PDB file of N, CA and C in Angstrom:
ATOM      1  N   MET A   1      -2.160  -8.261 -16.138  1.00  0.00           N
ATOM      2  CA  MET A   1      -3.403  -8.280 -16.000  1.00  0.00           C
ATOM      3  C   MET A   1      -3.755  -6.380 -16.140  1.00  0.00           C
ATOM      4  N   VAL A   2      -5.057  -5.981 -16.799  1.00  0.00           N
ATOM      5  CA  VAL A   2      -5.069  -4.934 -16.783  1.00  0.00           C
ATOM      6  C   VAL A   2      -5.411  -4.038 -15.466  1.00  0.00           C
ATOM      7  N   ASN A   3      -6.042  -4.738 -14.152  1.00  0.00           N
ATOM      8  CA  ASN A   3      -6.087  -4.298 -13.205  1.00  0.00           C
ATOM      9  C   ASN A   3      -4.887  -4.019 -12.560  1.00  0.00           C
ATOM     10  N   ARG A   4      -4.049  -4.664 -12.534  1.00  0.00           N
ATOM     11  CA  ARG A   4      -2.683  -4.502 -12.128  1.00  0.00           C
ATOM     12  C   ARG A   4      -2.020  -3.040 -12.770  1.00  0.00           C
ATOM     13  N   LYS A   5      -2.068  -2.956 -14.007  1.00  0.00           N
ATOM     14  CA  LYS A   5      -1.741  -1.615 -14.575  1.00  0.00           C
ATOM     15  C   LYS A   5      -2.541  -0.352 -13.745  1.00  0.00           C
ATOM     16  N   LYS A   6      -3.928  -0.721 -13.921  1.00  0.00           N
ATOM     17  CA  LYS A   6      -4.862   0.244 -13.212  1.00  0.00           C
ATOM     18  C   LYS A   6      -4.415   0.781 -11.875  1.00  0.00           C
ATOM     19  N   LEU A   7      -4.145  -0.382 -11.021  1.00  0.00           N
ATOM     20  CA  LEU A   7      -3.260   0.006  -9.655  1.00  0.00           C
ATOM     21  C   LEU A   7      -2.473   0.697  -9.588  1.00  0.00           C
ATOM     22  N   LEU A   8      -1.073   0.328 -10.481  1.00  0.00           N
ATOM     23  CA  LEU A   8      -0.253   1.046 -10.378  1.00  0.00           C
ATOM     24  C   LEU A   8      -0.327   2.301 -10.808  1.00  0.00           C
ATOM     25  N   SER A   9      -1.157   2.512 -11.667  1.00  0.00           N
ATOM     26  CA  SER A   9      -1.129   4.004 -11.928  1.00  0.00           C
ATOM     27  C   SER A   9      -1.993   4.811 -11.355  1.00  0.00           C
ATOM     28  N   LEU A  10      -3.030   4.100 -10.751  1.00  0.00           N
ATOM     29  CA  LEU A  10      -3.721   4.758  -9.575  1.00  0.00           C
ATOM     30  C   LEU A  10      -2.791   5.061  -8.423  1.00  0.00           C
ATOM     31  N   ILE A  11      -1.658   4.312  -8.270  1.00  0.00           N
ATOM     32  CA  ILE A  11      -0.829   4.746  -6.862  1.00  0.00           C
ATOM     33  C   ILE A  11       0.173   5.963  -7.250  1.00  0.00           C
ATOM     34  N   GLY A  12       0.362   5.927  -8.913  1.00  0.00           N
ATOM     35  CA  GLY A  12       1.072   6.991  -9.389  1.00  0.00           C
ATOM     36  C   GLY A  12       0.231   8.198  -9.178  1.00  0.00           C
ATOM     37  N   LEU A  13      -1.097   8.402  -9.217  1.00  0.00           N
ATOM     38  CA  LEU A  13      -1.981   9.408  -9.320  1.00  0.00           C
ATOM     39  C   LEU A  13      -2.040   9.709  -7.984  1.00  0.00           C
ATOM     40  N   ALA A  14      -2.145   8.871  -6.865  1.00  0.00           N
ATOM     41  CA  ALA A  14      -2.351   9.498  -5.567  1.00  0.00           C
ATOM     42  C   ALA A  14      -1.126   9.979  -5.111  1.00  0.00           C
ATOM     43  N   ARG A  15       0.311   9.617  -5.610  1.00  0.00           N
ATOM     44  CA  ARG A  15       1.277  10.245  -5.347  1.00  0.00           C
ATOM     45  C   ARG A  15       1.592  11.587  -5.733  1.00  0.00           C
ATOM     46  N   ARG A  16       1.045  11.800  -7.166  1.00  0.00           N
ATOM     47  CA  ARG A  16       1.200  13.323  -7.370  1.00  0.00           C
ATOM     48  C   ARG A  16      -0.017  13.967  -6.819  1.00  0.00           C
ATOM     49  N   ALA A  17      -0.947  13.578  -6.277  1.00  0.00           N
ATOM     50  CA  ALA A  17      -1.918  14.189  -5.205  1.00  0.00           C
ATOM     51  C   ALA A  17      -1.425  14.472  -3.815  1.00  0.00           C
ATOM     52  N   ARG A  18      -0.300  13.840  -3.826  1.00  0.00           N
ATOM     53  CA  ARG A  18       0.443  13.634  -2.504  1.00  0.00           C
ATOM     54  C   ARG A  18      -0.408  13.337  -1.344  1.00  0.00           C
ATOM     55  N   LYS A  19      -1.074  11.950  -1.674  1.00  0.00           N
ATOM     56  CA  LYS A  19      -1.756  11.484  -0.775  1.00  0.00           C
ATOM     57  C   LYS A  19      -1.302   9.845  -0.601  1.00  0.00           C
ATOM     58  N   VAL A  20       0.059   9.821  -0.924  1.00  0.00           N
ATOM     59  CA  VAL A  20       0.613   8.369  -0.585  1.00  0.00           C
ATOM     60  C   VAL A  20       2.192   8.780  -0.003  1.00  0.00           C
ATOM     61  N   VAL A  21       2.337   8.154   1.298  1.00  0.00           N
ATOM     62  CA  VAL A  21       3.938   7.879   1.520  1.00  0.00           C
ATOM     63  C   VAL A  21       4.384   6.761   1.445  1.00  0.00           C
ATOM     64  N   SER A  22       5.746   6.844   1.240  1.00  0.00           N
ATOM     65  CA  SER A  22       6.234   5.397   0.806  1.00  0.00           C
ATOM     66  C   SER A  22       7.273   5.316   2.104  1.00  0.00           C
ATOM     67  N   GLY A  23       8.003   4.213   1.943  1.00  0.00           N
ATOM     68  CA  GLY A  23       9.012   3.614   2.777  1.00  0.00           C
ATOM     69  C   GLY A  23       8.689   3.565   4.199  1.00  0.00           C
ATOM     70  N   GLU A  24       9.165   2.586   4.769  1.00  0.00           N
ATOM     71  CA  GLU A  24       9.100   1.738   6.259  1.00  0.00           C
ATOM     72  C   GLU A  24       8.641   2.765   7.192  1.00  0.00           C
ATOM     73  N   PHE A  25       9.686   3.881   7.339  1.00  0.00           N
ATOM     74  CA  PHE A  25       9.688   4.797   8.390  1.00  0.00           C
ATOM     75  C   PHE A  25       8.290   5.726   8.175  1.00  0.00           C
ATOM     76  N   SER A  26       7.947   6.231   7.070  1.00  0.00           N
ATOM     77  CA  SER A  26       7.013   7.013   6.573  1.00  0.00           C
ATOM     78  C   SER A  26       5.482   6.346   6.439  1.00  0.00           C
ATOM     79  N   THR A  27       5.828   5.113   6.165  1.00  0.00           N
ATOM     80  CA  THR A  27       4.425   4.145   6.615  1.00  0.00           C
ATOM     81  C   THR A  27       4.014   3.900   7.645  1.00  0.00           C
ATOM     82  N   GLU A  28       5.027   3.802   8.567  1.00  0.00           N
ATOM     83  CA  GLU A  28       4.897   3.395   9.944  1.00  0.00           C
ATOM     84  C   GLU A  28       4.115   4.517  10.654  1.00  0.00           C
ATOM     85  N   LYS A  29       4.825   5.773  10.272  1.00  0.00           N
ATOM     86  CA  LYS A  29       4.150   6.949  11.217  1.00  0.00           C
ATOM     87  C   LYS A  29       2.981   7.446  10.602  1.00  0.00           C
ATOM     88  N   SER A  30       2.590   7.122   9.289  1.00  0.00           N
ATOM     89  CA  SER A  30       1.060   7.665   8.717  1.00  0.00           C
ATOM     90  C   SER A  30       0.177   6.808   9.633  1.00  0.00           C
ATOM     91  N   VAL A  31       0.559   5.076   9.443  1.00  0.00           N
ATOM     92  CA  VAL A  31      -0.259   4.378  10.100  1.00  0.00           C
ATOM     93  C   VAL A  31      -0.487   4.768  11.794  1.00  0.00           C
ATOM     94  N   LYS A  32       0.466   4.743  12.436  1.00  0.00           N
ATOM     95  CA  LYS A  32       0.348   5.241  14.021  1.00  0.00           C
ATOM     96  C   LYS A  32      -0.501   6.636  14.152  1.00  0.00           C
ATOM     97  N   SER A  33      -0.363   7.347  13.084  1.00  0.00           N
ATOM     98  CA  SER A  33      -0.694   8.900  13.217  1.00  0.00           C
ATOM     99  C   SER A  33      -2.412   8.976  12.855  1.00  0.00           C
ATOM    100  N   GLY A  34      -3.016   7.579  12.352  1.00  0.00           N
ATOM    101  CA  GLY A  34      -4.092   7.706  11.974  1.00  0.00           C
ATOM    102  C   GLY A  34      -4.509   8.035  10.370  1.00  0.00           C
ATOM    103  N   ARG A  35      -3.591   8.931   9.893  1.00  0.00           N
ATOM    104  CA  ARG A  35      -3.907   9.021   8.585  1.00  0.00           C
ATOM    105  C   ARG A  35      -3.945   8.042   7.291  1.00  0.00           C
ATOM    106  N   ALA A  36      -3.329   6.823   7.774  1.00  0.00           N
ATOM    107  CA  ALA A  36      -3.577   5.765   6.842  1.00  0.00           C
ATOM    108  C   ALA A  36      -4.805   5.305   6.414  1.00  0.00           C
ATOM    109  N   HIS A  37      -5.161   5.148   5.517  1.00  0.00           N
ATOM    110  CA  HIS A  37      -6.561   4.484   4.845  1.00  0.00           C
ATOM    111  C   HIS A  37      -6.122   3.043   4.342  1.00  0.00           C
ATOM    112  N   LEU A  38      -4.978   3.141   3.955  1.00  0.00           N
ATOM    113  CA  LEU A  38      -4.666   1.495   3.106  1.00  0.00           C
ATOM    114  C   LEU A  38      -3.322   1.642   3.159  1.00  0.00           C
ATOM    115  N   VAL A  39      -2.679   0.277   3.464  1.00  0.00           N
ATOM    116  CA  VAL A  39      -1.311   0.123   3.498  1.00  0.00           C
ATOM    117  C   VAL A  39      -0.829  -1.032   2.348  1.00  0.00           C
ATOM    118  N   ILE A  40       0.234  -0.654   1.749  1.00  0.00           N
ATOM    119  CA  ILE A  40       0.724  -1.637   0.559  1.00  0.00           C
ATOM    120  C   ILE A  40       1.839  -1.990   0.832  1.00  0.00           C
ATOM    121  N   VAL A  41       2.017  -3.338   1.032  1.00  0.00           N
ATOM    122  CA  VAL A  41       3.294  -4.071   1.212  1.00  0.00           C
ATOM    123  C   VAL A  41       3.960  -4.886   0.054  1.00  0.00           C
ATOM    124  N   SER A  42       5.166  -4.721  -0.374  1.00  0.00           N
ATOM    125  CA  SER A  42       5.526  -5.339  -1.625  1.00  0.00           C
ATOM    126  C   SER A  42       5.635  -7.089  -1.149  1.00  0.00           C
ATOM    127  N   GLU A  43       5.154  -7.729  -2.303  1.00  0.00           N
ATOM    128  CA  GLU A  43       5.439  -9.015  -2.251  1.00  0.00           C
ATOM    129  C   GLU A  43       6.786  -9.625  -2.270  1.00  0.00           C
ATOM    130  N   GLU A  44       7.497  -9.061  -2.364  1.00  0.00           N
ATOM    131  CA  GLU A  44       9.108  -9.355  -2.086  1.00  0.00           C
ATOM    132  C   GLU A  44       9.903  -8.480  -1.168  1.00  0.00           C
ATOM    133  N   ALA A  45       8.806  -8.041  -0.063  1.00  0.00           N
ATOM    134  CA  ALA A  45       9.520  -7.384   1.042  1.00  0.00           C
ATOM    135  C   ALA A  45       9.708  -8.636   2.434  1.00  0.00           C
ATOM    136  N   SER A  46      10.672  -8.396   2.907  1.00  0.00           N
ATOM    137  CA  SER A  46      11.115  -9.271   3.791  1.00  0.00           C
ATOM    138  C   SER A  46       9.921 -10.026   4.812  1.00  0.00           C
ATOM    139  N   GLU A  47      10.190 -11.281   5.498  1.00  0.00           N
ATOM    140  CA  GLU A  47       9.219 -11.515   6.209  1.00  0.00           C
ATOM    141  C   GLU A  47       8.728 -10.725   7.140  1.00  0.00           C
ATOM    142  N   ASN A  48      10.107 -10.072   8.015  1.00  0.00           N
ATOM    143  CA  ASN A  48      10.276  -9.144   9.099  1.00  0.00           C
ATOM    144  C   ASN A  48       9.098  -7.946   8.979  1.00  0.00           C
ATOM    145  N   THR A  49       9.463  -7.290   7.895  1.00  0.00           N
ATOM    146  CA  THR A  49       8.597  -6.031   7.046  1.00  0.00           C
ATOM    147  C   THR A  49       7.317  -6.720   7.084  1.00  0.00           C
ATOM    148  N   LYS A  50       6.794  -7.680   6.538  1.00  0.00           N
ATOM    149  CA  LYS A  50       5.624  -7.744   6.381  1.00  0.00           C
ATOM    150  C   LYS A  50       4.715  -8.373   7.250  1.00  0.00           C
ATOM    151  N   LYS A  51       5.436  -9.148   8.584  1.00  0.00           N
ATOM    152  CA  LYS A  51       4.786  -9.071   9.904  1.00  0.00           C
ATOM    153  C   LYS A  51       4.594  -8.049  10.601  1.00  0.00           C
ATOM    154  N   GLN A  52       5.662  -7.049  10.409  1.00  0.00           N
ATOM    155  CA  GLN A  52       5.720  -5.754  11.217  1.00  0.00           C
ATOM    156  C   GLN A  52       4.670  -5.094  11.090  1.00  0.00           C
ATOM    157  N   PHE A  53       4.320  -4.764   9.375  1.00  0.00           N
ATOM    158  CA  PHE A  53       3.221  -4.089   9.291  1.00  0.00           C
ATOM    159  C   PHE A  53       1.907  -4.728   9.019  1.00  0.00           C
ATOM    160  N   THR A  54       1.687  -6.115   8.975  1.00  0.00           N
ATOM    161  CA  THR A  54       0.342  -6.973   9.501  1.00  0.00           C
ATOM    162  C   THR A  54       0.192  -6.378  10.768  1.00  0.00           C
ATOM    163  N   ASN A  55       0.794  -6.724  11.923  1.00  0.00           N
ATOM    164  CA  ASN A  55       0.961  -6.569  13.065  1.00  0.00           C
ATOM    165  C   ASN A  55       0.204  -5.395  13.559  1.00  0.00           C
ATOM    166  N   MET A  56       0.978  -4.179  12.989  1.00  0.00           N
ATOM    167  CA  MET A  56       0.691  -2.818  13.242  1.00  0.00           C
ATOM    168  C   MET A  56      -0.863  -2.587  12.564  1.00  0.00           C
ATOM    169  N   CYS A  57      -1.131  -2.624  11.440  1.00  0.00           N
ATOM    170  CA  CYS A  57      -2.437  -2.449  10.782  1.00  0.00           C
ATOM    171  C   CYS A  57      -3.474  -3.144  11.300  1.00  0.00           C
ATOM    172  N   ALA A  58      -3.184  -4.218  12.023  1.00  0.00           N
ATOM    173  CA  ALA A  58      -4.434  -5.217  12.917  1.00  0.00           C
ATOM    174  C   ALA A  58      -4.714  -3.994  14.076  1.00  0.00           C
ATOM    175  N   HIS A  59      -3.628  -3.739  14.633  1.00  0.00           N
ATOM    176  CA  HIS A  59      -3.704  -2.791  15.601  1.00  0.00           C
ATOM    177  C   HIS A  59      -4.478  -1.499  15.696  1.00  0.00           C
ATOM    178  N   TYR A  60      -3.974  -1.137  14.463  1.00  0.00           N
ATOM    179  CA  TYR A  60      -4.678   0.238  14.354  1.00  0.00           C
ATOM    180  C   TYR A  60      -5.983   0.126  13.502  1.00  0.00           C
ATOM    181  N   LYS A  61      -6.112  -1.215  13.232  1.00  0.00           N
ATOM    182  CA  LYS A  61      -7.380  -1.388  12.067  1.00  0.00           C
ATOM    183  C   LYS A  61      -7.458  -0.302  10.728  1.00  0.00           C
ATOM    184  N   VAL A  62      -6.266  -1.036  10.261  1.00  0.00           N
ATOM    185  CA  VAL A  62      -5.797  -0.270   8.788  1.00  0.00           C
ATOM    186  C   VAL A  62      -5.898  -1.375   7.978  1.00  0.00           C
ATOM    187  N   PRO A  63      -6.426  -1.661   6.564  1.00  0.00           N
ATOM    188  CA  PRO A  63      -6.391  -2.778   5.224  1.00  0.00           C
ATOM    189  C   PRO A  63      -4.965  -2.854   5.004  1.00  0.00           C
ATOM    190  N   ILE A  64      -4.440  -3.844   4.858  1.00  0.00           N
ATOM    191  CA  ILE A  64      -3.233  -4.222   4.372  1.00  0.00           C
ATOM    192  C   ILE A  64      -3.317  -4.985   3.336  1.00  0.00           C
ATOM    193  N   TYR A  65      -2.557  -4.617   2.345  1.00  0.00           N
ATOM    194  CA  TYR A  65      -2.408  -5.792   0.989  1.00  0.00           C
ATOM    195  C   TYR A  65      -1.013  -5.791   0.709  1.00  0.00           C
ATOM    196  N   LEU A  66      -0.473  -7.143   0.485  1.00  0.00           N
ATOM    197  CA  LEU A  66       0.874  -7.553  -0.247  1.00  0.00           C
ATOM    198  C   LEU A  66       0.327  -7.515  -1.627  1.00  0.00           C
ATOM    199  N   PHE A  67       1.114  -6.532  -2.353  1.00  0.00           N
ATOM    200  CA  PHE A  67       1.096  -6.786  -3.779  1.00  0.00           C
ATOM    201  C   PHE A  67       2.225  -5.940  -4.298  1.00  0.00           C
ATOM    202  N   GLY A  68       2.668  -6.573  -5.628  1.00  0.00           N
ATOM    203  CA  GLY A  68       3.850  -6.064  -6.635  1.00  0.00           C
ATOM    204  C   GLY A  68       5.080  -6.187  -5.941  1.00  0.00           C
ATOM    205  N   SER A  69       5.810  -5.966  -7.058  1.00  0.00           N
ATOM    206  CA  SER A  69       7.283  -6.111  -6.682  1.00  0.00           C
ATOM    207  C   SER A  69       7.771  -4.619  -6.296  1.00  0.00           C
ATOM    208  N   LYS A  70       8.823  -4.790  -5.425  1.00  0.00           N
ATOM    209  CA  LYS A  70       9.445  -3.509  -5.021  1.00  0.00           C
ATOM    210  C   LYS A  70       9.769  -2.452  -6.077  1.00  0.00           C
ATOM    211  N   ASP A  71      10.336  -3.103  -7.221  1.00  0.00           N
ATOM    212  CA  ASP A  71      10.549  -2.420  -8.514  1.00  0.00           C
ATOM    213  C   ASP A  71       8.828  -1.508  -9.099  1.00  0.00           C
ATOM    214  N   GLU A  72       8.098  -2.487  -8.872  1.00  0.00           N
ATOM    215  CA  GLU A  72       6.722  -2.187  -9.350  1.00  0.00           C
ATOM    216  C   GLU A  72       6.223  -0.764  -9.001  1.00  0.00           C
ATOM    217  N   LEU A  73       6.388  -0.872  -7.648  1.00  0.00           N
ATOM    218  CA  LEU A  73       5.926   0.049  -6.355  1.00  0.00           C
ATOM    219  C   LEU A  73       6.874   1.148  -6.581  1.00  0.00           C
ATOM    220  N   GLY A  74       7.937   1.006  -6.681  1.00  0.00           N
ATOM    221  CA  GLY A  74       8.785   2.006  -6.830  1.00  0.00           C
ATOM    222  C   GLY A  74       8.505   2.742  -8.164  1.00  0.00           C
ATOM    223  N   HIS A  75       8.408   2.193  -9.043  1.00  0.00           N
ATOM    224  CA  HIS A  75       8.080   2.606 -10.326  1.00  0.00           C
ATOM    225  C   HIS A  75       6.780   3.561 -10.511  1.00  0.00           C
ATOM    226  N   ALA A  76       5.907   2.944  -9.987  1.00  0.00           N
ATOM    227  CA  ALA A  76       4.466   3.474  -9.838  1.00  0.00           C
ATOM    228  C   ALA A  76       4.654   5.221  -8.974  1.00  0.00           C
ATOM    229  N   MET A  77       5.716   5.013  -8.044  1.00  0.00           N
ATOM    230  CA  MET A  77       5.615   6.294  -7.269  1.00  0.00           C
ATOM    231  C   MET A  77       6.713   7.173  -8.079  1.00  0.00           C
ATOM    232  N   GLY A  78       7.602   6.676  -9.105  1.00  0.00           N
ATOM    233  CA  GLY A  78       8.440   7.764  -9.671  1.00  0.00           C
ATOM    234  C   GLY A  78       9.407   7.539  -8.881  1.00  0.00           C
ATOM    235  N   GLN A  79      10.082   6.463  -8.034  1.00  0.00           N
ATOM    236  CA  GLN A  79      11.150   6.434  -6.926  1.00  0.00           C
ATOM    237  C   GLN A  79      11.891   5.333  -7.515  1.00  0.00           C
ATOM    238  N   GLU A  80      12.559   5.062  -7.019  1.00  0.00           N
ATOM    239  CA  GLU A  80      13.598   3.704  -6.427  1.00  0.00           C
ATOM    240  C   GLU A  80      12.548   2.927  -6.028  1.00  0.00           C
ATOM    241  N   PHE A  81      13.373   1.582  -5.634  1.00  0.00           N
ATOM    242  CA  PHE A  81      12.377   0.386  -4.797  1.00  0.00           C
ATOM    243  C   PHE A  81      11.645   0.865  -3.726  1.00  0.00           C
ATOM    244  N   ARG A  82      10.636   0.484  -3.770  1.00  0.00           N
ATOM    245  CA  ARG A  82       9.517   0.733  -2.588  1.00  0.00           C
ATOM    246  C   ARG A  82       9.259  -0.380  -1.958  1.00  0.00           C
ATOM    247  N   ALA A  83       9.141  -0.784  -0.596  1.00  0.00           N
ATOM    248  CA  ALA A  83       8.902  -2.247   0.290  1.00  0.00           C
ATOM    249  C   ALA A  83       7.353  -1.830   0.850  1.00  0.00           C
ATOM    250  N   SER A  84       6.886  -0.657   1.041  1.00  0.00           N
ATOM    251  CA  SER A  84       5.927  -0.296   1.518  1.00  0.00           C
ATOM    252  C   SER A  84       5.165   0.943   1.445  1.00  0.00           C
ATOM    253  N   LEU A  85       3.913   1.216   1.235  1.00  0.00           N
ATOM    254  CA  LEU A  85       3.394   2.598   1.069  1.00  0.00           C
ATOM    255  C   LEU A  85       2.324   2.856   1.790  1.00  0.00           C
ATOM    256  N   SER A  86       1.782   3.778   2.178  1.00  0.00           N
ATOM    257  CA  SER A  86       0.693   4.313   3.035  1.00  0.00           C
ATOM    258  C   SER A  86      -0.306   5.236   2.238  1.00  0.00           C
ATOM    259  N   VAL A  87      -1.742   4.824   1.832  1.00  0.00           N
ATOM    260  CA  VAL A  87      -2.456   5.888   0.770  1.00  0.00           C
ATOM    261  C   VAL A  87      -3.124   6.692   2.107  1.00  0.00           C
ATOM    262  N   GLU A  88      -3.071   7.848   2.216  1.00  0.00           N
ATOM    263  CA  GLU A  88      -3.857   8.764   3.145  1.00  0.00           C
ATOM    264  C   GLU A  88      -4.986   9.634   2.590  1.00  0.00           C
ATOM    265  N   ASP A  89      -6.140   8.866   1.708  1.00  0.00           N
ATOM    266  CA  ASP A  89      -6.881   9.305   1.148  1.00  0.00           C
ATOM    267  C   ASP A  89      -8.052   8.244   1.333  1.00  0.00           C
ATOM    268  N   ALA A  90      -8.909   8.643   1.581  1.00  0.00           N
ATOM    269  CA  ALA A  90     -10.249   7.589   1.507  1.00  0.00           C
ATOM    270  C   ALA A  90     -10.391   7.070   0.229  1.00  0.00           C
ATOM    271  N   GLY A  91     -10.630   7.918  -0.504  1.00  0.00           N
ATOM    272  CA  GLY A  91     -11.200   7.857  -1.843  1.00  0.00           C
ATOM    273  C   GLY A  91     -10.426   6.689  -2.822  1.00  0.00           C
ATOM    274  N   PHE A  92      -9.234   7.554  -2.897  1.00  0.00           N
ATOM    275  CA  PHE A  92      -7.916   6.437  -3.560  1.00  0.00           C
ATOM    276  C   PHE A  92      -7.972   5.170  -2.665  1.00  0.00           C
ATOM    277  N   ALA A  93      -8.055   5.214  -1.543  1.00  0.00           N
ATOM    278  CA  ALA A  93      -7.790   4.059  -0.733  1.00  0.00           C
ATOM    279  C   ALA A  93      -9.023   2.854  -1.126  1.00  0.00           C
ATOM    280  N   ARG A  94     -10.228   3.502  -1.324  1.00  0.00           N
ATOM    281  CA  ARG A  94     -11.348   2.516  -1.772  1.00  0.00           C
ATOM    282  C   ARG A  94     -11.311   2.183  -3.146  1.00  0.00           C
ATOM    283  N   SER A  95     -10.800   2.935  -4.124  1.00  0.00           N
ATOM    284  CA  SER A  95     -10.649   2.500  -5.315  1.00  0.00           C
ATOM    285  C   SER A  95      -9.509   1.438  -5.322  1.00  0.00           C
ATOM    286  N   MET A  96      -8.460   1.356  -4.676  1.00  0.00           N
ATOM    287  CA  MET A  96      -7.189   0.525  -4.928  1.00  0.00           C
ATOM    288  C   MET A  96      -7.792  -0.630  -4.426  1.00  0.00           C
ATOM    289  N   GLU A  97      -8.627  -0.878  -3.101  1.00  0.00           N
ATOM    290  CA  GLU A  97      -9.199  -1.934  -2.327  1.00  0.00           C
ATOM    291  C   GLU A  97     -10.071  -2.968  -3.793  1.00  0.00           C
ATOM    292  N   GLU A  98     -10.755  -2.067  -4.114  1.00  0.00           N
ATOM    293  CA  GLU A  98     -11.717  -2.509  -5.088  1.00  0.00           C
ATOM    294  C   GLU A  98     -11.082  -3.150  -6.387  1.00  0.00           C
ATOM    295  N   LEU A  99      -9.782  -2.444  -6.710  1.00  0.00           N
ATOM    296  CA  LEU A  99      -9.101  -3.394  -7.671  1.00  0.00           C
ATOM    297  C   LEU A  99      -8.226  -4.330  -7.259  1.00  0.00           C
ATOM    298  N   MET A 100      -7.993  -4.608  -6.158  1.00  0.00           N
ATOM    299  CA  MET A 100      -7.084  -5.810  -5.524  1.00  0.00           C
ATOM    300  C   MET A 100      -8.182  -6.902  -5.279  1.00  0.00           C
ATOM    301  N   ASN A 101      -9.114  -6.354  -4.884  1.00  0.00           N
ATOM    302  CA  ASN A 101     -10.228  -7.372  -4.682  1.00  0.00           C
ATOM    303  C   ASN A 101     -10.766  -8.097  -5.859  1.00  0.00           C
ATOM    304  N   MET A 102     -10.985  -7.299  -6.853  1.00  0.00           N
ATOM    305  CA  MET A 102     -10.981  -7.994  -8.159  1.00  0.00           C
ATOM    306  C   MET A 102      -9.805  -8.742  -8.905  1.00  0.00           C
ATOM    307  N   ASN A 103      -8.695  -8.269  -8.417  1.00  0.00           N
ATOM    308  CA  ASN A 103      -7.549  -8.712  -8.936  1.00  0.00           C
ATOM    309  C   ASN A 103      -6.932  -9.963  -8.123  1.00  0.00           C
ATOM    310  N   GLY A 104      -7.788 -10.336  -7.188  1.00  0.00           N
ATOM    311  CA  GLY A 104      -7.351 -11.577  -6.400  1.00  0.00           C
ATOM    312  C   GLY A 104      -6.152 -11.214  -5.366  1.00  0.00           C
ATOM    313  N   GLY A 105      -5.671 -10.107  -5.335  1.00  0.00           N
ATOM    314  CA  GLY A 105      -4.318  -9.818  -4.672  1.00  0.00           C
ATOM    315  C   GLY A 105      -4.404 -10.650  -3.172  1.00  0.00           C
ATOM    316  N   SER A 106      -3.148 -10.838  -2.745  1.00  0.00           N
ATOM    317  CA  SER A 106      -3.429 -11.457  -1.472  1.00  0.00           C
ATOM    318  C   SER A 106      -3.818 -10.347  -0.297  1.00  0.00           C
ATOM    319  N   MET A 107      -4.508 -10.528   0.643  1.00  0.00           N
ATOM    320  CA  MET A 107      -5.042  -9.648   1.660  1.00  0.00           C
ATOM    321  C   MET A 107      -5.181  -9.892   3.065  1.00  0.00           C
ATOM    322  N   ASN A 108      -4.927  -8.958   3.633  1.00  0.00           N
ATOM    323  CA  ASN A 108      -5.197  -9.264   5.177  1.00  0.00           C
ATOM    324  C   ASN A 108      -5.891  -7.966   5.755  1.00  0.00           C
ATOM    325  N   GLU A 109      -6.938  -8.188   5.666  1.00  0.00           N
ATOM    326  CA  GLU A 109      -7.799  -6.766   6.234  1.00  0.00           C
ATOM    327  C   GLU A 109      -8.242  -6.993   7.699  1.00  0.00           C
ATOM    328  N   SER A 110      -7.868  -6.050   8.233  1.00  0.00           N
ATOM    329  CA  SER A 110      -8.412  -5.691   9.444  1.00  0.00           C
ATOM    330  C   SER A 110      -9.308  -4.575  10.208  1.00  0.00           C
ATOM    331  N   LYS A 111     -10.627  -4.751   9.872  1.00  0.00           N
ATOM    332  CA  LYS A 111     -11.809  -4.251  10.007  1.00  0.00           C
ATOM    333  C   LYS A 111     -12.821  -4.627  10.937  1.00  0.00           C
TER     334      LYS A 111
END
């Protein structure tokens, strides 16, 4: 899907702008510190990881989406596999949410 490619390239762009952190520890730190505007967890992440981030994001009122494979997310970030990432810029987060809503990505929004 075109939107999928757009979203992955947007993640790469946000990464180059240093507005995305990835990996479980960094994502968790970003959410708990209030810097996260959006969390994306890979569809391939373990059930435990998905549950952990879903509960955390609900508590801190951060939108969370399940999207892509670990490989896709890692590739978009220019790294190895990534199971989770946090977008720390409101503009990037809004653009990504719009694309995912058009894409019909599975969503658990907690606003």
